[in-house]
Amino acid sequence: MTSPELDLDGIIDDSGTRIVVCCGSGGVGKTTTAAALGLRAAERGRNVVVLTVDPARRLAQSMGLTSLDNTPRKVAGADGELFAMMLDMKRTFDEIIEAHADPERARQILTNPFYQSLSSSFSGTQEYMAMEKLGQLRRSGEWDLIIVDTPPSRSALDFLDAPERLGRFLDGKLIRLLMAPAKAGGRSAFKILNAGFGLVAGVLTKVLGAQVLKDIQTFVSALDAVFGGFRQRAEQTYKLLQAPGTAFIVVATPERDAMREASYFVERLAEERMPLAGLVINRVHRSPAPDLSAARSTAAAEDLESRGEHELTAAVLRLHAGRMQLAAREHREQEQFASAHPTVPVTRVPAMSQDVHDLDGLREIGELLAKR
């Protein structure tokens, strides 16, 4: 079964495309794909920023940058407007505090031990901040194309759950209970408002300690003022991801596990009603002599070996047989995906002899991505 062709140049050349999200499991060339698309789009006239949520340094290395941080950095050597940045979830959290609280309240929150722990390691913080940063970049209007390189593995799509998860956190019974003193007029965090709160506060004090509970309540008391609009912005960004100006690109390699993950991503995006552009399959193996089958190549090698002749030729024939067998396995995996998802457009990038470490390598990958 033949899949439709994925026209990536058509996507990045379309001024209506404002966000491209590259997602996939680890080790499939997702970051390289995002960087190559960003470079190609910039050199075809788009003003591009590539945002990586992956804490690895692969994006910086491939673009010739020594490091990336929470501020977009211009990529030197690109024939166009190309910027790159890496999500710093704590810094993004700090920016929200600084933007939505007065200086004194911001100082109190930023130095609060519970906040420092929450902003650095709380489950889901990275996804919340990825949603926030994407929204910030889009609202700034500085770039007409934002390319997002998501974390490897299934957590790549966790940011789709950010609005709902944030809502559950802010609406949780414990959070509402801890906010009760502040909403009652700012009285002491430990003053008993009612029997129920007094009982819970007493238990929490014994379990957590008075200072820890005080730190938590000091932080929670500021949630309404600081995070009042965060959930709304996250929901707006979620809707933006569903809009026609967004394109999700799933990246995989022609291996069983990677193709299964690709199927998961395709199905999850369909459930969330996200606009899937198609699938990029990297590192596809091909042979310069496809008409010579693995069986014939192996038979010829065995014949030469039995006669003790042309050892080098026999070795080359066996290498060719192995490559043809690998290509056949990869073809079966791709056929299974196409059978399960016949309408998903696909483009294939052949396996390279070496890794990509510079802009020239990214340009080559970009050309291969666009080749139809």
Protein backbone atom coordinates (compact mmCIF):
# COMPACT_ATOMS: atom_id res chain seq x y z
CA MET A 1 0.00 0.00 0.00
CA THR A 2 1.36 3.44 -0.97
CA SER A 3 0.88 6.35 1.44
CA PRO A 4 0.15 9.89 0.20
CA GLU A 5 3.25 12.07 -0.11
CA LEU A 6 3.95 14.64 2.60
CA ASP A 7 4.63 18.07 1.06
CA LEU A 8 6.77 19.77 3.72
CA ASP A 9 7.76 22.69 1.49
CA GLY A 10 4.09 23.37 0.94
CA ILE A 11 3.60 23.50 4.72
CA ILE A 12 6.51 25.80 5.58
CA ASP A 13 5.92 28.05 2.53
CA ASP A 14 2.27 28.58 3.47
CA SER A 15 2.04 31.89 5.35
CA GLY A 16 -1.04 30.50 7.07
CA THR A 17 1.12 27.91 8.85
CA ARG A 18 2.22 29.55 12.09
CA ILE A 19 3.14 26.59 14.33
CA VAL A 20 4.81 23.27 13.47
CA VAL A 21 5.08 20.68 16.26
CA CYS A 22 7.55 17.80 15.77
CA CYS A 23 6.82 14.83 18.02
CA GLY A 24 8.03 11.27 18.29
CA SER A 25 9.89 8.79 20.44
CA GLY A 26 13.53 9.18 21.42
CA GLY A 27 16.38 8.55 19.02
CA VAL A 28 14.44 8.99 15.76
CA GLY A 29 16.03 12.25 14.57
CA LYS A 30 13.21 14.50 15.78
CA THR A 31 15.46 17.37 16.86
CA THR A 32 17.40 17.22 13.58
CA THR A 33 14.12 17.25 11.67
CA ALA A 34 12.88 20.30 13.60
CA ALA A 35 16.18 22.14 13.09
CA ALA A 36 16.33 21.26 9.38
CA LEU A 37 12.75 22.43 8.83
CA GLY A 38 13.49 25.65 10.72
CA LEU A 39 16.59 26.36 8.63
CA ARG A 40 14.84 25.54 5.36
CA ALA A 41 11.84 27.72 6.25
CA ALA A 42 14.09 30.64 7.22
CA GLU A 43 16.09 30.38 4.00
CA ARG A 44 12.84 30.34 2.03
CA GLY A 45 11.74 33.65 3.56
CA ARG A 46 10.04 32.83 6.86
CA ASN A 47 10.95 34.48 10.18
CA VAL A 48 11.44 31.36 12.32
CA VAL A 49 12.06 30.44 15.95
CA VAL A 50 12.75 26.82 16.93
CA LEU A 51 11.76 26.01 20.53
CA THR A 52 13.06 22.81 22.03
CA VAL A 53 11.49 21.35 25.15
CA ASP A 54 14.08 18.55 25.18
CA PRO A 55 16.73 19.35 27.84
CA ALA A 56 19.43 17.67 25.72
CA ARG A 57 21.84 19.93 23.83
CA ARG A 58 21.32 18.43 20.38
CA LEU A 59 19.52 21.44 18.89
CA ALA A 60 22.26 23.88 19.89
CA GLN A 61 24.96 21.57 18.59
CA SER A 62 23.31 21.06 15.21
CA MET A 63 22.89 24.82 14.75
CA GLY A 64 26.46 25.66 15.70
CA LEU A 65 25.47 27.33 18.98
CA THR A 66 27.42 26.76 22.19
CA SER A 67 24.26 26.80 24.30
CA LEU A 68 20.58 27.67 24.36
CA ASP A 69 18.45 29.27 27.05
CA ASN A 70 15.02 30.78 27.57
CA THR A 71 15.79 33.67 25.20
CA PRO A 72 15.66 33.18 21.41
CA ARG A 73 19.19 33.33 19.94
CA LYS A 74 19.87 34.22 16.30
CA VAL A 75 21.58 31.44 14.38
CA ALA A 76 24.64 32.81 12.60
CA GLY A 77 25.29 31.43 9.16
CA ALA A 78 21.65 30.95 8.26
CA ASP A 79 20.60 32.75 5.08
CA GLY A 80 17.50 34.16 6.70
CA GLU A 81 15.89 34.97 10.05
CA LEU A 82 16.38 31.87 12.21
CA PHE A 83 16.32 31.86 16.00
CA ALA A 84 16.56 29.00 18.49
CA MET A 85 15.83 28.60 22.19
CA MET A 86 15.46 25.93 24.87
CA LEU A 87 12.64 25.96 27.40
CA ASP A 88 13.80 26.85 30.90
CA MET A 89 10.74 25.87 32.90
CA LYS A 90 11.83 27.62 36.11
CA ARG A 91 12.69 30.85 34.32
CA THR A 92 9.36 30.77 32.47
CA PHE A 93 7.59 30.20 35.80
CA ASP A 94 9.49 33.17 37.25
CA GLU A 95 8.45 35.33 34.30
CA ILE A 96 4.79 34.56 35.00
CA ILE A 97 5.23 35.63 38.63
CA GLU A 98 7.05 38.83 37.66
CA ALA A 99 4.43 39.71 35.05
CA HIS A 100 1.36 39.14 37.23
CA ALA A 101 2.41 40.23 40.72
CA ASP A 102 3.56 43.54 42.19
CA PRO A 103 7.32 43.68 42.96
CA GLU A 104 6.98 42.93 46.68
CA ARG A 105 4.57 40.02 46.16
CA ALA A 106 6.80 38.70 43.38
CA ARG A 107 9.81 38.81 45.71
CA GLN A 108 7.93 36.90 48.40
CA ILE A 109 6.85 34.21 45.98
CA LEU A 110 10.19 33.82 44.17
CA THR A 111 12.01 33.30 47.48
CA ASN A 112 9.36 30.94 48.84
CA PRO A 113 10.83 27.43 49.37
CA PHE A 114 7.65 25.69 48.25
CA TYR A 115 7.55 27.75 45.05
CA GLN A 116 11.20 27.00 44.33
CA SER A 117 10.51 23.28 44.62
CA LEU A 118 7.28 23.51 42.60
CA SER A 119 8.86 25.50 39.76
CA SER A 120 11.79 23.09 39.45
CA SER A 121 10.40 19.61 39.92
CA PHE A 122 6.61 19.51 40.29
CA SER A 123 5.08 16.86 38.03
CA GLY A 124 3.71 18.51 34.92
CA THR A 125 5.52 21.83 35.37
CA GLN A 126 7.48 21.35 32.15
CA GLU A 127 4.26 20.82 30.21
CA TYR A 128 2.57 23.84 31.81
CA MET A 129 5.56 26.03 30.97
CA ALA A 130 5.86 24.68 27.43
CA MET A 131 2.25 25.71 26.83
CA GLU A 132 2.92 29.11 28.41
CA LYS A 133 6.11 29.74 26.40
CA LEU A 134 4.48 28.71 23.13
CA GLY A 135 1.65 31.12 23.87
CA GLN A 136 4.13 33.90 24.70
CA LEU A 137 6.00 33.41 21.44
CA ARG A 138 2.79 33.39 19.43
CA ARG A 139 1.38 36.48 21.15
CA SER A 140 4.63 38.41 20.70
CA GLY A 141 4.14 38.47 16.93
CA GLU A 142 7.92 38.53 16.41
CA TRP A 143 7.98 35.29 14.39
CA ASP A 144 5.65 34.13 11.67
CA LEU A 145 6.62 30.48 12.16
CA ILE A 146 7.27 28.66 15.45
CA ILE A 147 8.69 25.14 15.31
CA VAL A 148 8.45 23.10 18.51
CA ASP A 149 10.80 20.20 19.20
CA THR A 150 9.01 18.19 21.90
CA PRO A 151 10.62 15.90 24.50
CA PRO A 152 11.32 12.31 23.41
CA SER A 153 8.85 9.55 24.30
CA ARG A 154 5.12 9.78 24.91
CA SER A 155 5.59 12.71 27.29
CA ALA A 156 5.96 14.73 24.07
CA LEU A 157 2.17 15.07 24.01
CA ASP A 158 1.73 15.70 27.74
CA PHE A 159 1.46 19.43 27.10
CA LEU A 160 -1.89 18.71 25.44
CA ASP A 161 -3.13 17.85 28.92
CA ALA A 162 -1.70 20.99 30.53
CA PRO A 163 -4.92 23.04 30.78
CA GLU A 164 -6.90 20.16 32.29
CA ARG A 165 -4.11 19.13 34.68
CA LEU A 166 -3.60 22.71 35.79
CA GLY A 167 -7.31 23.04 36.39
CA ARG A 168 -7.33 19.90 38.53
CA PHE A 169 -4.40 21.23 40.55
CA LEU A 170 -5.88 24.69 41.16
CA ASP A 171 -9.37 23.30 41.85
CA GLY A 172 -8.17 20.52 44.14
CA LYS A 173 -9.75 20.26 47.56
CA LEU A 174 -6.43 20.71 49.39
CA ILE A 175 -5.54 23.83 47.39
CA ARG A 176 -8.99 25.34 48.00
CA LEU A 177 -8.70 24.54 51.70
CA LEU A 178 -5.27 26.13 51.98
CA MET A 179 -6.54 29.23 50.17
CA ALA A 180 -9.47 29.59 52.58
CA PRO A 181 -7.68 31.81 55.14
CA ALA A 182 -6.58 34.29 52.48
CA LYS A 183 -10.06 34.43 50.99
CA ALA A 184 -11.49 35.02 54.45
CA GLY A 185 -9.66 38.31 54.73
CA GLY A 186 -5.98 37.49 55.08
CA ARG A 187 -6.09 36.24 58.65
CA SER A 188 -3.34 34.03 59.99
CA ALA A 189 -2.76 30.87 58.02
CA PHE A 190 -3.15 28.86 61.19
CA LYS A 191 -6.24 30.59 62.61
CA ILE A 192 -9.12 28.16 62.75
CA LEU A 193 -11.83 29.28 60.37
CA ASN A 194 -13.95 26.31 61.16
CA ALA A 195 -13.64 22.93 62.76
CA GLY A 196 -12.91 21.20 59.47
CA PHE A 197 -10.03 23.50 58.53
CA GLY A 198 -8.62 23.39 62.05
CA LEU A 199 -8.55 19.59 62.02
CA VAL A 200 -6.82 19.40 58.62
CA ALA A 201 -4.35 22.17 59.48
CA GLY A 202 -3.44 20.32 62.66
CA VAL A 203 -2.83 17.06 60.81
CA LEU A 204 -0.79 18.78 58.08
CA THR A 205 1.29 20.60 60.67
CA LYS A 206 2.19 17.29 62.33
CA VAL A 207 3.00 15.62 58.99
CA LEU A 208 4.76 18.47 57.21
CA GLY A 209 5.90 20.70 60.01
CA ALA A 210 4.68 24.21 60.76
CA GLN A 211 7.22 25.99 58.56
CA VAL A 212 6.58 23.81 55.51
CA LEU A 213 2.84 24.27 55.83
CA LYS A 214 3.36 28.02 56.23
CA ASP A 215 5.50 28.10 53.06
CA ILE A 216 2.80 26.23 51.14
CA GLN A 217 0.03 28.52 52.39
CA THR A 218 2.05 31.65 51.63
CA PHE A 219 2.46 30.43 48.06
CA VAL A 220 -1.09 29.22 47.65
CA SER A 221 -2.49 32.52 48.93
CA ALA A 222 -1.02 34.19 45.83
CA LEU A 223 -2.45 31.71 43.33
CA ASP A 224 -5.55 33.76 42.51
CA ALA A 225 -3.58 36.95 41.82
CA VAL A 226 -0.70 35.37 39.95
CA PHE A 227 -2.33 32.46 38.12
CA GLY A 228 -5.73 33.94 37.51
CA GLY A 229 -5.14 34.11 33.75
CA PHE A 230 -2.77 31.17 33.32
CA ARG A 231 -5.43 28.53 32.88
CA GLN A 232 -7.23 30.76 30.39
CA ARG A 233 -4.02 31.31 28.41
CA ALA A 234 -3.24 27.58 28.45
CA GLU A 235 -6.70 26.85 27.09
CA GLN A 236 -6.25 29.50 24.40
CA THR A 237 -2.93 27.93 23.39
CA TYR A 238 -4.57 24.51 23.30
CA LYS A 239 -7.21 25.88 20.93
CA LEU A 240 -4.43 27.49 18.88
CA LEU A 241 -2.86 24.04 18.48
CA GLN A 242 -6.17 22.77 17.10
CA ALA A 243 -6.45 25.63 14.61
CA PRO A 244 -5.72 25.28 10.88
CA GLY A 245 -2.49 27.32 11.24
CA THR A 246 -0.85 24.49 13.21
CA ALA A 247 0.75 21.38 11.74
CA PHE A 248 1.83 18.33 13.78
CA ILE A 249 4.59 16.25 12.23
CA VAL A 250 5.23 12.81 13.70
CA VAL A 251 8.83 11.61 13.35
CA ALA A 252 9.91 7.96 13.41
CA THR A 253 12.43 5.46 12.08
CA PRO A 254 11.39 2.30 10.19
CA GLU A 255 11.80 0.08 13.25
CA ARG A 256 9.03 -1.81 15.01
CA ASP A 257 9.00 0.12 18.31
CA ALA A 258 9.37 3.53 16.66
CA MET A 259 6.57 2.82 14.17
CA ARG A 260 4.30 1.62 16.98
CA GLU A 261 4.99 4.88 18.81
CA ALA A 262 4.22 6.76 15.59
CA SER A 263 0.85 4.99 15.43
CA TYR A 264 0.17 6.01 19.03
CA PHE A 265 0.96 9.65 18.25
CA VAL A 266 -1.25 9.63 15.15
CA GLU A 267 -4.16 8.14 17.08
CA ARG A 268 -3.73 10.47 20.06
CA LEU A 269 -3.62 13.54 17.84
CA ALA A 270 -6.81 12.37 16.14
CA GLU A 271 -8.50 11.97 19.53
CA GLU A 272 -7.48 15.51 20.48
CA ARG A 273 -8.57 16.84 17.07
CA MET A 274 -5.11 18.20 16.39
CA PRO A 275 -4.15 18.91 12.74
CA LEU A 276 -1.77 16.13 11.69
CA ALA A 277 0.35 17.04 8.66
CA GLY A 278 1.98 13.67 8.28
CA LEU A 279 4.81 11.31 9.16
CA VAL A 280 8.56 11.70 8.58
CA ILE A 281 10.44 8.40 8.50
CA ASN A 282 14.15 8.93 9.05
CA ARG A 283 17.10 6.60 8.40
CA VAL A 284 15.50 4.54 5.70
CA HIS A 285 17.99 2.03 4.24
CA ARG A 286 18.20 1.58 0.50
CA SER A 287 20.59 -0.27 -1.78
CA PRO A 288 22.38 1.10 -4.87
CA ALA A 289 21.65 -2.28 -6.52
CA PRO A 290 18.01 -3.02 -5.64
CA ASP A 291 17.61 -5.53 -8.49
CA LEU A 292 20.12 -7.89 -6.87
CA SER A 293 18.11 -9.78 -4.24
CA ALA A 294 19.47 -10.89 -0.90
CA ALA A 295 19.07 -14.54 -1.89
CA ARG A 296 21.03 -14.16 -5.13
CA SER A 297 23.70 -12.10 -3.40
CA THR A 298 24.12 -14.71 -0.67
CA ALA A 299 24.27 -17.56 -3.18
CA ALA A 300 26.95 -15.76 -5.21
CA ALA A 301 28.99 -15.09 -2.06
CA GLU A 302 28.78 -18.74 -1.02
CA ASP A 303 29.90 -19.86 -4.47
CA LEU A 304 32.97 -17.61 -4.40
CA GLU A 305 33.84 -18.67 -0.86
CA SER A 306 33.57 -22.37 -1.74
CA ARG A 307 36.09 -21.87 -4.51
CA GLY A 308 38.35 -19.71 -2.39
CA GLU A 309 38.17 -16.88 -4.90
CA HIS A 310 37.56 -13.12 -4.70
CA GLU A 311 37.23 -12.86 -0.92
CA LEU A 312 36.61 -9.11 -1.05
CA THR A 313 33.83 -9.52 -3.62
CA ALA A 314 32.22 -12.24 -1.50
CA ALA A 315 32.33 -9.94 1.55
CA VAL A 316 30.69 -7.12 -0.41
CA LEU A 317 27.97 -9.48 -1.62
CA ARG A 318 27.21 -10.54 1.95
CA LEU A 319 27.05 -6.90 3.06
CA HIS A 320 24.62 -6.22 0.24
CA ALA A 321 22.50 -9.22 1.26
CA GLY A 322 22.33 -7.93 4.83
CA ARG A 323 21.34 -4.46 3.62
CA MET A 324 18.61 -5.88 1.41
CA GLN A 325 17.25 -7.93 4.31
CA LEU A 326 17.25 -4.82 6.53
CA ALA A 327 15.47 -2.82 3.83
CA ALA A 328 12.87 -5.59 3.53
CA ARG A 329 12.18 -5.52 7.30
CA GLU A 330 11.87 -1.74 7.24
CA HIS A 331 9.51 -1.93 4.27
CA ARG A 332 7.24 -4.35 6.15
CA GLU A 333 7.04 -1.98 9.13
CA GLN A 334 6.14 0.90 6.85
CA GLU A 335 3.53 -1.20 5.08
CA GLN A 336 1.91 -2.08 8.41
CA PHE A 337 1.70 1.61 9.33
CA ALA A 338 0.26 2.51 5.91
CA SER A 339 -2.31 -0.26 6.25
CA ALA A 340 -3.41 1.04 9.66
CA HIS A 341 -3.29 4.72 8.65
CA PRO A 342 -3.83 4.85 4.87
CA THR A 343 -4.61 8.58 4.73
CA VAL A 344 -1.54 9.84 6.63
CA PRO A 345 0.96 11.51 4.26
CA VAL A 346 4.54 10.23 4.56
CA THR A 347 8.00 11.37 3.51
CA ARG A 348 11.17 9.31 3.88
CA VAL A 349 14.74 10.39 4.56
CA PRO A 350 17.50 7.91 3.64
CA ALA A 351 20.04 6.84 6.25
CA MET A 352 23.09 9.11 6.29
CA SER A 353 26.67 7.96 6.55
CA GLN A 354 27.32 10.34 9.47
CA ASP A 355 25.47 12.42 12.05
CA VAL A 356 24.48 16.03 11.38
CA HIS A 357 26.62 18.56 13.28
CA ASP A 358 26.33 21.81 11.33
CA LEU A 359 24.15 23.98 9.12
CA ASP A 360 25.35 22.37 5.90
CA GLY A 361 24.22 19.00 7.23
CA LEU A 362 20.86 20.50 8.19
CA ARG A 363 20.48 21.96 4.69
CA GLU A 364 21.05 18.52 3.21
CA ILE A 365 18.45 16.99 5.53
CA GLY A 366 16.04 19.79 4.61
CA GLU A 367 16.44 19.02 0.91
CA LEU A 368 15.83 15.33 1.56
CA LEU A 369 12.74 16.11 3.65
CA ALA A 370 11.32 18.17 0.80
CA LYS A 371 12.20 15.69 -1.94
CA ARG A 372 9.09 14.10 -3.41
